[in-house]
C-alpha atoms as a PDB file:
ATOM      1  CA  MET A   1       4.880  28.329  10.625  1.00  0.00           C
ATOM      2  CA  ARG A   2       1.779  26.437   9.024  1.00  0.00           C
ATOM      3  CA  ARG A   3       2.368  23.418   6.980  1.00  0.00           C
ATOM      4  CA  VAL A   4      -0.569  23.183   4.784  1.00  0.00           C
ATOM      5  CA  VAL A   5      -1.946  26.206   3.349  1.00  0.00           C
ATOM      6  CA  HIS A   6      -5.524  27.076   1.138  1.00  0.00           C
ATOM      7  CA  CYS A   7      -4.109  27.000  -2.404  1.00  0.00           C
ATOM      8  CA  LYS A   8      -5.790  29.909  -3.484  1.00  0.00           C
ATOM      9  CA  HIS A   9      -5.479  32.361  -0.406  1.00  0.00           C
ATOM     10  CA  GLU A  10      -2.046  31.821   0.672  1.00  0.00           C
ATOM     11  CA  PRO A  11       1.610  31.238  -0.796  1.00  0.00           C
ATOM     12  CA  TYR A  12       3.003  27.611  -0.816  1.00  0.00           C
ATOM     13  CA  ASP A  13       5.565  25.176  -2.208  1.00  0.00           C
ATOM     14  CA  VAL A  14       4.254  22.340  -2.963  1.00  0.00           C
ATOM     15  CA  LEU A  15       0.411  22.091  -4.588  1.00  0.00           C
ATOM     16  CA  ILE A  16      -0.977  18.739  -3.253  1.00  0.00           C
ATOM     17  CA  ASP A  17      -4.624  18.583  -4.599  1.00  0.00           C
ATOM     18  CA  ARG A  18      -6.241  15.917  -6.287  1.00  0.00           C
ATOM     19  CA  ARG A  19      -4.412  16.815  -9.459  1.00  0.00           C
ATOM     20  CA  THR A  20      -1.092  15.723  -8.188  1.00  0.00           C
ATOM     21  CA  LYS A  21       0.688  12.612  -7.218  1.00  0.00           C
ATOM     22  CA  TRP A  22      -0.191  13.716  -3.598  1.00  0.00           C
ATOM     23  CA  GLY A  23      -3.978  13.861  -3.794  1.00  0.00           C
ATOM     24  CA  ASN A  24      -6.108  12.193  -1.681  1.00  0.00           C
ATOM     25  CA  PRO A  25      -7.902   8.969  -3.305  1.00  0.00           C
ATOM     26  CA  PHE A  26     -10.160   8.681  -0.662  1.00  0.00           C
ATOM     27  CA  ARG A  27     -13.320  11.291  -1.091  1.00  0.00           C
ATOM     28  CA  ILE A  28     -15.662  12.870   2.046  1.00  0.00           C
ATOM     29  CA  GLY A  29     -18.686  11.246   1.185  1.00  0.00           C
ATOM     30  CA  PRO A  30     -18.347   8.201  -0.764  1.00  0.00           C
ATOM     31  CA  ASP A  31     -15.453   6.984   1.467  1.00  0.00           C
ATOM     32  CA  GLY A  32     -16.719   8.412   4.527  1.00  0.00           C
ATOM     33  CA  THR A  33     -16.165  11.483   6.871  1.00  0.00           C
ATOM     34  CA  ARG A  34     -12.981  13.947   6.698  1.00  0.00           C
ATOM     35  CA  GLU A  35     -11.278  12.502   9.549  1.00  0.00           C
ATOM     36  CA  ASP A  36     -12.469   8.509   8.016  1.00  0.00           C
ATOM     37  CA  VAL A  37     -10.614   9.979   4.392  1.00  0.00           C
ATOM     38  CA  ILE A  38      -7.887  11.450   6.371  1.00  0.00           C
ATOM     39  CA  GLU A  39      -7.354   8.085   8.590  1.00  0.00           C
ATOM     40  CA  LYS A  40      -7.840   5.957   4.792  1.00  0.00           C
ATOM     41  CA  TYR A  41      -4.419   8.354   3.545  1.00  0.00           C
ATOM     42  CA  ARG A  42      -2.741   7.527   6.119  1.00  0.00           C
ATOM     43  CA  GLN A  43      -2.756   3.628   6.048  1.00  0.00           C
ATOM     44  CA  TRP A  44      -2.755   3.954   2.135  1.00  0.00           C
ATOM     45  CA  LEU A  45       0.325   6.073   1.614  1.00  0.00           C
ATOM     46  CA  PRO A  46       3.286   3.715   3.542  1.00  0.00           C
ATOM     47  CA  MET A  47       1.737   1.213   1.208  1.00  0.00           C
ATOM     48  CA  GLN A  48       2.967   3.449  -2.090  1.00  0.00           C
ATOM     49  CA  PRO A  49       6.546   3.066  -3.052  1.00  0.00           C
ATOM     50  CA  HIS A  50       6.617   5.795  -5.300  1.00  0.00           C
ATOM     51  CA  LEU A  51       5.048   8.263  -2.918  1.00  0.00           C
ATOM     52  CA  MET A  52       7.074   6.977   0.185  1.00  0.00           C
ATOM     53  CA  ALA A  53       9.894   7.765  -1.862  1.00  0.00           C
ATOM     54  CA  ALA A  54       9.067  11.449  -2.722  1.00  0.00           C
ATOM     55  CA  LEU A  55       8.530  12.492   0.331  1.00  0.00           C
ATOM     56  CA  HIS A  56      11.637  14.343   0.588  1.00  0.00           C
ATOM     57  CA  GLU A  57      10.316  16.806  -1.791  1.00  0.00           C
ATOM     58  CA  LEU A  58       7.931  17.863   0.489  1.00  0.00           C
ATOM     59  CA  LYS A  59      10.136  18.081   3.809  1.00  0.00           C
ATOM     60  CA  GLY A  60       9.820  21.190   5.383  1.00  0.00           C
ATOM     61  CA  LYS A  61       7.775  22.825   2.321  1.00  0.00           C
ATOM     62  CA  VAL A  62       4.422  24.433   2.417  1.00  0.00           C
ATOM     63  CA  LEU A  63       1.530  22.568   1.041  1.00  0.00           C
ATOM     64  CA  GLY A  64      -1.461  24.155  -0.770  1.00  0.00           C
ATOM     65  CA  CYS A  65      -4.725  22.127  -0.717  1.00  0.00           C
ATOM     66  CA  TRP A  66      -8.475  23.338  -0.957  1.00  0.00           C
ATOM     67  CA  CYS A  67      -9.510  21.882   2.806  1.00  0.00           C
ATOM     68  CA  ASP A  68      -7.943  24.808   4.644  1.00  0.00           C
ATOM     69  CA  PRO A  69      -8.925  26.031   7.348  1.00  0.00           C
ATOM     70  CA  PHE A  70     -10.186  22.390   7.700  1.00  0.00           C
ATOM     71  CA  PRO A  71      -8.140  19.163   8.788  1.00  0.00           C
ATOM     72  CA  CYS A  72      -6.418  17.536   5.477  1.00  0.00           C
ATOM     73  CA  HIS A  73      -4.402  14.998   4.008  1.00  0.00           C
ATOM     74  CA  GLY A  74      -1.767  17.218   3.498  1.00  0.00           C
ATOM     75  CA  ASP A  75      -1.134  16.987   7.348  1.00  0.00           C
ATOM     76  CA  VAL A  76      -0.794  13.658   7.316  1.00  0.00           C
ATOM     77  CA  LEU A  77       1.956  14.268   4.323  1.00  0.00           C
ATOM     78  CA  ALA A  78       4.040  17.228   6.570  1.00  0.00           C
ATOM     79  CA  GLU A  79       3.847  14.343   9.313  1.00  0.00           C
ATOM     80  CA  PHE A  80       5.491  12.339   6.893  1.00  0.00           C
ATOM     81  CA  ALA A  81       7.825  14.477   5.135  1.00  0.00           C
ATOM     82  CA  ASN A  82       9.109  16.017   7.943  1.00  0.00           C
ATOM     83  CA  ARG A  83       9.760  12.698   9.810  1.00  0.00           C
ATOM     84  CA  GLU A  84      11.841  11.172   7.204  1.00  0.00           C
ATOM     85  CA  GLY A  85      15.528  11.244   7.807  1.00  0.00           C
END
């Protein structure tokens, strides 16, 4: 099962776009390439105690974003959420 889907094309459980607390503050262009901003999010997320404490909300859920079919910060969120105890 896909963990991150396009929020306009497929059903999802939790929206993770910029309008939500889960949104990536780093933008393609000003902050680097897609790969750069995903890596920045990967480094930034563990320093956000409120988000780390809320990861349980995402465990096992399908996440909706606008990036699919491209790599996304949602892949990072799914990875972190699903490895949390």
